[in-house]
Protein backbone atom coordinates (compact mmCIF):
# COMPACT_ATOMS: atom_id res chain seq x y z
CA MET A 1 -141.18 107.24 -37.55
CA GLN A 2 -141.48 109.54 -40.61
CA THR A 3 -143.16 108.05 -43.60
CA SER A 4 -143.17 109.17 -47.32
CA MET A 5 -146.56 110.73 -46.45
CA ASP A 6 -144.94 112.79 -43.83
CA ASN A 7 -142.24 114.11 -46.24
CA PRO A 8 -143.53 114.77 -49.81
CA ASP A 9 -139.98 114.74 -50.94
CA ASP A 10 -139.76 110.95 -50.30
CA GLU A 11 -142.76 110.22 -52.45
CA PRO A 12 -141.95 107.84 -55.49
CA LYS A 13 -141.32 109.86 -58.61
CA ASP A 14 -141.69 109.16 -62.34
CA GLU A 15 -139.13 109.74 -64.83
CA VAL A 16 -139.37 113.62 -64.73
CA GLY A 17 -139.61 113.78 -60.96
CA ARG A 18 -143.24 114.12 -60.46
CA PRO A 19 -145.30 112.19 -57.84
CA GLY A 20 -145.70 108.45 -58.99
CA LEU A 21 -148.65 107.17 -60.96
CA GLN A 22 -150.04 105.13 -58.01
CA PHE A 23 -151.21 108.42 -56.60
CA ASP A 24 -153.26 109.34 -59.69
CA ALA A 25 -156.02 107.01 -58.82
CA LEU A 26 -156.53 108.81 -55.48
CA GLY A 27 -156.80 112.13 -57.31
CA ASP A 28 -159.24 110.69 -59.78
CA ASP A 29 -161.33 109.46 -57.01
CA ARG A 30 -161.49 112.94 -55.39
CA ARG A 31 -162.25 114.53 -58.72
CA GLU A 32 -165.02 112.19 -59.40
CA ILE A 33 -166.68 112.96 -55.93
CA TYR A 34 -166.52 116.42 -56.67
CA ASP A 35 -168.12 115.98 -60.23
CA ARG A 36 -171.11 114.48 -58.43
CA MET A 37 -172.16 117.93 -57.06
CA PRO A 38 -175.46 119.35 -58.48
CA MET A 39 -174.97 122.22 -61.08
CA ASN A 40 -177.42 124.53 -62.85
CA PRO A 41 -177.11 124.15 -66.49
CA LEU A 42 -177.54 127.81 -66.87
CA ILE A 43 -174.80 128.57 -64.34
CA ASP A 44 -172.88 131.87 -65.05
CA THR A 45 -169.09 132.18 -64.89
CA ALA A 46 -168.87 133.90 -61.57
CA ALA A 47 -170.88 131.17 -60.01
CA ALA A 48 -168.81 128.54 -61.87
CA LEU A 49 -165.51 129.94 -60.63
CA ARG A 50 -166.82 130.21 -57.08
CA ARG A 51 -167.32 126.27 -57.18
CA MET A 52 -163.98 125.45 -58.78
CA PRO A 53 -161.54 123.78 -56.21
CA ALA A 54 -158.74 126.25 -55.23
CA HIS A 55 -156.09 123.91 -57.04
CA TRP A 56 -158.03 124.26 -60.21
CA LEU A 57 -158.52 128.03 -59.97
CA THR A 58 -154.77 128.52 -59.55
CA ALA A 59 -154.12 126.23 -62.62
CA ALA A 60 -156.65 128.28 -64.66
CA CYS A 61 -154.81 131.49 -63.61
CA HIS A 62 -151.41 129.81 -64.73
CA VAL A 63 -152.87 128.84 -68.07
CA ALA A 64 -154.22 132.28 -68.64
CA SER A 65 -150.85 133.81 -67.77
CA ILE A 66 -152.24 135.53 -64.70
CA ASP A 67 -149.41 136.16 -62.11
CA VAL A 68 -150.40 134.36 -58.88
CA GLY A 69 -148.35 136.54 -56.59
CA PRO A 70 -149.02 138.57 -53.48
CA ALA A 71 -151.70 140.62 -55.19
CA GLN A 72 -153.82 137.42 -56.02
CA LYS A 73 -152.81 135.61 -52.74
CA ASN A 74 -156.50 134.90 -51.89
CA ARG A 75 -159.12 132.97 -53.75
CA LYS A 76 -161.40 136.09 -54.31
CA ALA A 77 -158.54 138.05 -55.95
CA ARG A 78 -157.70 135.02 -58.27
CA SER A 79 -161.36 134.50 -59.24
CA ALA A 80 -161.60 138.27 -60.11
CA ALA A 81 -158.38 138.32 -62.29
CA LEU A 82 -159.54 135.20 -64.18
CA PHE A 83 -163.08 136.52 -64.70
CA SER A 84 -161.66 139.73 -66.24
CA VAL A 85 -159.45 137.72 -68.72
CA LEU A 86 -162.45 135.49 -69.79
CA PHE A 87 -164.42 138.45 -70.46
CA THR A 88 -161.59 140.31 -72.34
CA ALA A 89 -161.93 139.43 -76.16
CA ARG A 90 -158.40 139.37 -77.05
CA ARG A 91 -157.37 137.27 -73.86
CA LEU A 92 -160.32 134.84 -74.46
CA GLU A 93 -159.20 134.38 -78.09
CA GLU A 94 -155.57 133.75 -76.88
CA ILE A 95 -156.97 130.99 -74.41
CA VAL A 96 -159.24 129.43 -77.16
CA ALA A 97 -156.21 129.51 -79.63
CA GLY A 98 -154.13 127.41 -77.18
CA LEU A 99 -156.61 124.63 -77.11
CA PRO A 100 -155.58 121.45 -78.95
CA PRO A 101 -157.83 120.74 -82.02
CA ARG A 102 -159.84 117.86 -80.27
CA SER A 103 -160.50 120.07 -77.24
CA ARG A 104 -161.97 122.96 -79.58
CA ARG A 105 -164.08 120.26 -81.32
CA ALA A 106 -165.55 119.11 -78.03
CA LEU A 107 -166.06 122.74 -77.09
CA CYS A 108 -168.06 123.32 -80.32
CA ILE A 109 -170.16 120.28 -79.56
CA VAL A 110 -171.20 121.67 -76.26
CA LEU A 111 -172.21 125.07 -77.84
CA GLU A 112 -173.96 123.41 -80.78
CA SER A 113 -176.05 121.50 -78.32
CA GLY A 114 -177.02 124.82 -76.57
CA GLY A 115 -174.21 125.08 -73.93
CA CYS A 116 -175.04 121.93 -71.96
CA VAL A 117 -174.77 118.10 -72.85
CA ALA A 118 -174.97 114.83 -71.07
CA LEU A 119 -171.37 114.14 -70.11
CA ILE A 120 -171.41 110.67 -71.69
CA ALA A 121 -171.95 112.28 -75.04
CA LEU A 122 -168.45 113.68 -74.88
CA THR A 123 -166.73 110.89 -73.04
CA GLN A 124 -167.93 108.46 -75.70
CA GLU A 125 -166.10 110.41 -78.42
CA PHE A 126 -163.26 112.09 -76.57
CA GLY A 127 -162.63 109.80 -73.77
CA GLU A 128 -162.68 109.72 -69.88
CA MET A 129 -160.65 111.90 -67.62
CA ASP A 130 -158.85 109.04 -66.03
CA GLY A 131 -155.10 110.12 -64.82
CA ASP A 132 -156.22 113.94 -64.75
CA GLY A 133 -155.93 113.64 -60.87
CA TRP A 134 -157.00 116.50 -58.61
CA LEU A 135 -153.93 118.80 -58.06
CA TRP A 136 -153.93 120.57 -61.22
CA ASP A 137 -151.87 123.40 -60.07
CA ASP A 138 -148.99 120.93 -59.72
CA ARG A 139 -149.89 119.02 -62.94
CA LEU A 140 -152.28 120.10 -65.57
CA PRO A 141 -154.80 117.51 -66.86
CA THR A 142 -154.05 116.04 -70.18
CA SER A 143 -157.51 114.58 -71.31
CA VAL A 144 -159.72 116.33 -73.83
CA LEU A 145 -162.11 117.68 -71.28
CA GLY A 146 -159.54 118.20 -68.80
CA GLU A 147 -157.95 120.88 -71.15
CA LEU A 148 -161.28 122.73 -71.40
CA ARG A 149 -161.74 122.42 -67.56
CA SER A 150 -158.29 123.78 -66.55
CA ARG A 151 -159.23 126.93 -68.61
CA ALA A 152 -162.54 127.28 -66.81
CA LEU A 153 -164.35 127.00 -70.17
CA LEU A 154 -166.33 123.96 -69.24
CA HIS A 155 -167.71 122.60 -65.91
CA VAL A 156 -168.94 119.17 -64.91
CA GLY A 157 -171.70 118.48 -62.39
CA ARG A 158 -175.16 116.60 -61.91
CA LEU A 159 -178.45 117.65 -63.20
CA GLN A 160 -181.59 116.38 -61.30
CA VAL A 161 -184.06 115.12 -63.96
CA GLU A 162 -187.63 114.29 -62.82
CA GLN A 163 -189.03 111.02 -64.04
CA ASP A 164 -192.43 109.66 -64.87
CA GLY A 165 -193.99 106.72 -62.88
CA GLY A 166 -193.05 107.91 -59.44
CA LEU A 167 -189.45 106.71 -59.73
CA PRO A 168 -186.69 108.62 -57.98
CA ASP A 169 -185.19 111.57 -60.06
CA LEU A 170 -182.26 110.79 -62.33
CA GLN A 171 -178.96 112.36 -61.50
CA VAL A 172 -177.41 113.02 -64.99
CA PRO A 173 -173.91 113.89 -65.27
CA ILE A 174 -173.67 117.06 -67.36
CA ALA A 175 -170.86 119.22 -68.98
CA VAL A 176 -171.75 122.90 -69.23
CA VAL A 177 -170.23 126.13 -70.62
CA PRO A 178 -171.22 129.15 -68.51
CA HIS A 179 -174.18 130.83 -70.26
CA ASP A 180 -172.67 134.32 -70.19
CA LEU A 181 -169.57 132.91 -71.98
CA ARG A 182 -171.46 131.15 -74.68
CA PRO A 183 -172.06 134.13 -77.09
CA SER A 184 -168.40 135.00 -77.06
CA LEU A 185 -167.15 131.50 -77.63
CA CYS A 186 -169.80 130.96 -80.28
CA MET A 187 -168.34 133.84 -82.22
CA LEU A 188 -164.75 132.80 -81.85
CA LEU A 189 -165.48 129.35 -83.04
CA ASN A 190 -167.93 130.24 -85.72
CA VAL A 191 -170.86 128.24 -83.99
CA PHE A 192 -174.25 129.66 -84.63
CA VAL A 193 -176.90 128.16 -82.46
CA GLU A 194 -180.00 130.06 -81.86
CA GLU A 195 -180.66 128.64 -78.36
CA ALA A 196 -177.09 129.27 -77.28
CA LEU A 197 -177.44 132.98 -77.94
CA VAL A 198 -181.13 133.72 -77.31
CA ASN A 199 -182.99 130.96 -75.33
CA LEU A 200 -181.45 131.27 -71.92
CA GLU A 201 -184.70 131.26 -70.12
CA SER A 202 -184.75 127.56 -69.25
CA PRO A 203 -182.16 124.89 -68.99
CA PRO A 204 -181.63 122.66 -72.18
CA ALA A 205 -183.66 119.39 -71.97
CA VAL A 206 -181.79 116.12 -71.35
CA ASP A 207 -182.77 113.93 -74.20
CA ASP A 208 -184.66 111.34 -72.47
CA LEU A 209 -184.47 108.57 -75.12
CA ASN A 210 -180.67 109.00 -75.40
CA VAL A 211 -180.30 108.55 -71.56
CA ALA A 212 -182.15 105.34 -71.92
CA LEU A 213 -180.30 104.15 -74.89
CA ASN A 214 -176.86 105.11 -73.43
CA GLY A 215 -177.77 103.03 -70.31
CA ALA A 216 -178.96 99.99 -72.39
CA GLN A 217 -175.71 100.21 -74.40
CA ARG A 218 -173.63 100.20 -71.22
CA TYR A 219 -175.41 97.30 -69.93
CA PHE A 220 -174.92 95.16 -73.08
CA ASP A 221 -171.39 96.04 -73.32
CA GLN A 222 -170.78 93.91 -70.22
CA PRO A 223 -171.53 90.16 -69.63
CA ASP A 224 -175.15 89.98 -68.80
CA HIS A 225 -178.17 87.99 -68.53
CA SER A 226 -181.07 89.83 -70.32
CA LEU A 227 -183.44 86.98 -70.46
CA GLY A 228 -182.23 86.13 -73.88
CA LEU A 229 -183.12 89.55 -75.28
CA THR A 230 -180.61 91.53 -77.67
CA TYR A 231 -179.69 95.11 -77.59
CA GLU A 232 -181.76 95.87 -80.74
CA GLN A 233 -184.75 94.23 -79.28
CA VAL A 234 -184.61 96.29 -76.18
CA VAL A 235 -184.07 99.55 -78.23
CA ALA A 236 -187.07 98.61 -80.33
CA PHE A 237 -189.17 98.33 -77.07
CA LEU A 238 -187.94 101.68 -75.73
CA ARG A 239 -188.92 103.39 -78.85
CA THR A 240 -192.45 102.04 -78.82
CA CYS A 241 -192.43 103.44 -75.04
CA VAL A 242 -191.72 106.94 -76.52
CA VAL A 243 -194.59 106.55 -79.19
CA GLU A 244 -196.99 105.56 -76.48
CA GLY A 245 -196.12 108.57 -74.42
CA PHE A 246 -193.90 106.79 -71.64
CA SER A 247 -190.52 107.88 -70.47
CA PRO A 248 -188.00 105.71 -71.93
CA SER A 249 -185.46 106.29 -69.40
CA THR A 250 -187.96 105.25 -66.86
CA CYS A 251 -188.74 102.27 -68.75
CA TRP A 252 -185.12 101.23 -69.19
CA GLN A 253 -184.70 101.47 -65.33
CA HIS A 254 -187.32 99.02 -64.94
CA LEU A 255 -185.82 96.72 -67.56
CA ASP A 256 -182.40 96.95 -65.88
CA LEU A 257 -184.02 96.00 -62.54
CA LEU A 258 -185.89 93.09 -64.11
CA PHE A 259 -182.49 91.72 -65.82
CA GLU A 260 -180.78 91.94 -62.51
CA PHE A 261 -183.65 90.07 -60.92
CA ALA A 262 -183.27 87.28 -63.64
CA ALA A 263 -179.58 87.20 -63.06
CA HIS A 264 -180.02 86.74 -59.28
CA ASN A 265 -182.56 83.97 -59.95
CA LEU A 266 -180.62 82.40 -62.82
CA HIS A 267 -181.45 78.86 -61.43
CA GLU A 268 -185.12 79.77 -62.18
CA ILE A 269 -185.29 82.29 -64.93
CA ARG A 270 -183.06 81.88 -67.93
CA THR A 271 -185.42 83.04 -70.71
CA ILE A 272 -188.31 85.20 -71.08
CA ASP A 273 -190.58 82.22 -70.88
CA ASP A 274 -189.51 81.40 -67.47
CA LEU A 275 -190.99 84.40 -65.65
CA CYS A 276 -193.93 83.59 -63.44
CA GLY A 277 -196.57 85.41 -61.70
CA PHE A 278 -195.07 85.21 -58.24
CA HIS A 279 -191.76 86.29 -59.84
CA LEU A 280 -193.35 89.59 -60.88
CA SER A 281 -194.60 89.93 -57.39
CA GLU A 282 -191.29 89.29 -55.85
CA LEU A 283 -189.51 91.78 -58.21
CA ALA A 284 -192.06 94.62 -57.21
CA THR A 285 -191.71 94.00 -53.61
CA GLU A 286 -188.70 92.39 -51.95
CA PHE A 287 -186.14 92.68 -54.93
CA ALA A 288 -187.02 96.32 -55.63
CA ASP A 289 -186.53 97.38 -51.90
CA GLN A 290 -183.19 95.67 -51.76
CA ARG A 291 -181.93 97.71 -54.77
CA GLN A 292 -182.83 101.18 -53.47
CA VAL A 293 -181.98 102.89 -50.21
CA ARG A 294 -185.49 104.47 -49.81
CA ARG A 295 -188.47 101.93 -49.79
CA TRP A 296 -190.35 102.28 -53.03
CA LEU A 297 -193.70 104.07 -53.12
CA LEU A 298 -196.82 102.32 -54.31
CA ALA A 299 -196.83 104.30 -57.47
CA GLN A 300 -193.46 103.37 -58.16
CA ARG A 301 -194.20 99.62 -57.80
CA ARG A 302 -197.21 99.95 -60.09
CA ALA A 303 -195.12 101.70 -62.75
CA LEU A 304 -192.61 98.90 -62.62
CA ILE A 305 -195.20 96.29 -63.01
CA GLU A 306 -196.89 98.08 -65.80
CA THR A 307 -193.61 98.33 -67.67
CA VAL A 308 -192.99 94.61 -67.27
CA ASP A 309 -196.44 94.02 -68.56
CA ARG A 310 -195.91 96.35 -71.52
CA LEU A 311 -192.75 94.59 -72.42
CA TYR A 312 -194.34 91.20 -72.60
CA GLY A 313 -197.15 92.67 -74.75
CA PHE A 314 -194.37 93.90 -77.03
CA LEU A 315 -192.53 90.53 -76.97
CA ARG A 316 -195.68 88.57 -77.81
CA GLU A 317 -196.48 90.83 -80.80
CA GLN A 318 -192.79 90.10 -82.12
CA GLY A 319 -193.16 86.45 -81.62
CA LEU A 320 -190.52 86.38 -78.90
CA ALA A 321 -192.69 85.21 -75.96
CA SER A 322 -195.21 82.45 -75.90
CA ALA A 323 -198.92 83.10 -75.47
CA ASP A 324 -199.08 81.29 -72.35
CA THR A 325 -196.18 83.34 -70.73
CA HIS A 326 -197.88 86.53 -71.96
CA GLU A 327 -201.05 85.62 -70.48
CA GLU A 328 -199.65 84.68 -67.16
CA VAL A 329 -197.75 87.94 -66.84
CA THR A 330 -200.76 90.03 -67.84
CA CYS A 331 -203.05 88.20 -65.23
CA ALA A 332 -200.33 88.59 -62.69
CA ALA A 333 -199.93 92.30 -63.32
CA ARG A 334 -203.97 92.67 -63.29
CA MET A 335 -203.97 90.76 -59.84
CA LEU A 336 -201.05 92.85 -58.31
CA LEU A 337 -202.52 96.14 -59.47
CA SER A 338 -206.11 95.42 -58.32
CA GLY A 339 -205.57 96.45 -54.62
CA LYS A 340 -206.32 100.09 -54.19
CA ARG A 341 -204.04 100.87 -51.19
CA ARG A 342 -201.27 98.17 -51.67
CA LEU A 343 -200.24 95.41 -54.12
CA LYS A 344 -202.18 92.17 -53.93
CA LEU A 345 -199.11 89.76 -53.54
CA ILE A 346 -198.80 86.55 -55.40
CA ARG A 347 -197.37 83.80 -53.26
CA ARG A 348 -195.21 81.05 -54.61
CA PRO A 349 -196.77 77.59 -54.30
CA VAL A 350 -195.52 75.23 -51.76
CA PRO A 351 -192.39 73.56 -53.06
CA LEU A 352 -192.67 69.62 -53.91
CA GLY A 353 -188.93 69.23 -53.54
CA GLY A 354 -187.44 69.26 -57.05
CA GLU A 355 -187.16 73.05 -57.27
CA ALA A 356 -183.76 74.46 -57.86
CA VAL A 357 -182.34 76.61 -55.13
CA PHE A 358 -179.00 77.76 -56.87
CA MET A 359 -176.36 76.31 -59.09
CA TYR A 360 -172.79 75.79 -57.91
CA ASP A 361 -169.38 75.16 -59.71
CA ASP A 362 -168.04 72.50 -57.39
CA GLU A 363 -164.23 72.05 -57.85
CA ASN A 364 -164.50 68.42 -56.57
CA ALA A 365 -167.34 67.47 -59.14
CA ALA A 366 -167.65 67.41 -62.82
CA GLY A 367 -168.86 70.81 -63.77
CA GLN A 368 -171.88 72.85 -62.50
CA ARG A 369 -174.42 71.15 -60.05
CA THR A 370 -177.93 72.25 -59.23
CA TYR A 371 -179.16 72.08 -55.65
CA THR A 372 -182.64 71.74 -55.06
CA ILE A 373 -185.16 72.04 -52.05
CA ASN A 374 -184.55 68.43 -51.43
CA HIS A 375 -180.84 69.23 -50.75
CA ARG A 376 -181.91 72.05 -48.65
CA ARG A 377 -184.16 69.99 -46.40
CA ILE A 378 -181.48 67.52 -45.83
CA ALA A 379 -179.01 70.19 -44.98
CA VAL A 380 -181.47 71.74 -42.45
CA VAL A 381 -182.19 68.26 -40.94
CA TRP A 382 -178.37 67.64 -40.61
CA TRP A 383 -177.96 71.07 -38.82
CA SER A 384 -180.97 71.02 -36.66
CA GLU A 385 -181.62 67.37 -35.76
CA PHE A 386 -178.28 65.82 -35.91
CA ASP A 387 -175.85 68.52 -34.67
CA GLN A 388 -173.93 68.47 -38.04
CA ASP A 389 -172.99 64.66 -37.78
CA TRP A 390 -173.54 62.99 -41.10
CA ASP A 391 -172.88 59.52 -39.85
CA ALA A 392 -175.83 59.85 -37.33
CA LEU A 393 -178.03 61.03 -40.08
CA LEU A 394 -177.21 58.19 -42.50
CA MET A 395 -177.82 55.67 -39.78
CA ARG A 396 -181.36 57.18 -39.03
CA CYS A 397 -182.17 56.95 -42.75
CA ASP A 398 -182.78 53.05 -42.23
CA ALA A 399 -185.82 54.03 -40.12
CA VAL A 400 -187.68 56.80 -42.21
CA VAL A 401 -189.88 56.81 -45.14
CA ASP A 402 -187.84 56.60 -48.45
CA GLY A 403 -184.61 56.59 -46.49
CA HIS A 404 -182.46 55.31 -49.30
CA ARG A 405 -183.22 58.38 -51.20
CA LYS A 406 -182.55 60.73 -48.46
CA ALA A 407 -179.33 58.77 -47.65
CA GLU A 408 -178.22 59.46 -51.33
CA ILE A 409 -178.88 63.20 -51.07
CA ALA A 410 -176.96 63.21 -47.78
CA ARG A 411 -173.91 61.51 -49.13
CA GLU A 412 -173.99 63.99 -51.98
CA LEU A 413 -173.82 66.82 -49.65
CA MET A 414 -171.31 65.16 -47.56
CA ASN A 415 -168.92 64.87 -50.45
CA ALA A 416 -169.66 68.42 -51.62
CA ASP A 417 -167.85 71.60 -51.07
CA ALA A 418 -168.36 72.88 -47.44
CA ALA A 419 -169.72 76.13 -48.80
CA VAL A 420 -172.71 74.15 -50.45
CA CYS A 421 -174.17 73.51 -46.99
CA GLU A 422 -173.69 76.85 -45.81
CA LEU A 423 -175.33 78.36 -48.76
CA LEU A 424 -178.31 75.86 -48.51
CA LEU A 425 -178.68 76.84 -44.72
CA ALA A 426 -178.66 80.52 -45.56
CA CYS A 427 -181.68 80.12 -48.03
CA ALA A 428 -183.71 78.19 -45.43
CA ASP A 429 -186.73 79.94 -43.70
CA GLU A 430 -186.91 80.48 -40.02
CA ASP A 431 -189.85 78.14 -39.56
CA GLU A 432 -188.36 75.39 -41.76
CA PRO A 433 -186.42 73.18 -39.04
CA GLU A 434 -189.74 71.93 -37.62
CA PHE A 435 -191.39 71.19 -40.96
CA VAL A 436 -188.34 69.40 -42.37
CA ALA A 437 -188.04 67.16 -39.19
CA GLN A 438 -191.48 65.82 -40.03
CA TRP A 439 -190.69 65.58 -43.69
CA PHE A 440 -187.49 63.67 -43.00
CA ARG A 441 -189.45 61.18 -40.87
CA ASP A 442 -192.68 60.67 -42.69
CA ASP A 443 -192.77 62.08 -46.34
CA PRO A 444 -191.25 60.54 -49.52
CA VAL A 445 -188.60 62.45 -51.64
CA LEU A 446 -190.54 64.05 -54.56
CA PHE A 447 -188.26 65.31 -57.65
CA ALA A 448 -191.29 67.16 -59.23
CA ALA A 449 -191.30 70.97 -58.97
CA ALA A 450 -194.25 73.39 -58.42
CA TRP A 451 -192.10 76.35 -59.72
């Protein structure tokens, strides 16, 4: 059977006969993968043309009025022809004159910044490249940045930026004008930047504070759980990190991880005063390892703990954290960091029964319900001792300590959504069945909480 993919002529078309817009997303995905490739911020034009996809190179030749015929049938010939045009003053002037005003403004911004900027600095002002697709020789991009890229004046890639504190290097998306094109473009656009013309010895530095502030802004633009802190408070803390000589982008990564940890444990941590010493221990060990492909090094864990300790010192000075919470976090950080070869972990105290495990929006109940260790213990007993038979469990409650309360919890779970018991069992420890069997027989139900 022949499909539309076998015959391109059968593809859905838009009103002007081009491939349907449903295929644009596939092209955008392919372009975004390409844009993740590393790139030297001092790349020259020859190297930039070598790394351009063949479709883009052909499109740039079309825009530059280069006849892509038999004489330019291979990539090397097309690259040479385009290179010649870009370094011919009159032809380069024609290419720049053909740019829309907003694209010229974006090019000026890159040149004024030394020829290399963080990509987000452009996309925030001029928009993303969604819809530009991948096959530019078939359909030229229409975004502001796409106009520049289809003329081989601007190139996008990733710059590896080393971080303090032993964290993995940042991979910052950057937009670059080839360094050997910068002087000519500066003259054409009346841009005078000393670094763009003279200082080509080292790549332009990425503003570490701006990277941190942009990351924080993106975080607070979305629904979040940030321990009750505001964007302004986080920015004030990041600025103190700069004054104290710490990398703000590294500190923001630590805060981002802390906020994610709090959201993951929302049943326990809702405000800055809910963070306990064992929380800090779990953040720097189990949770950190879950959020990174490679295991964190000891130096990375230490830096994370120090940032959280520094944050709580700042919050205490601002009157945002209580003295008791600040003291607990400081003591916990000191204990964790006291080990020379490993962190001295802080264990949670043994639960009493009333500690929350998770919150669940039960469609069959009124609003959100909180399920505790007591619920988890009853679920484990139901699964391990009574073969998931609620009636048998309820009958046994008549002969155990505090059986009427255990029966109440069992009836609550029996009438709850089936997913509740599955979640409770998923949260149980491997050695819990033996313990809870004894608890079910001999111990009363406690509603107090140790954490």
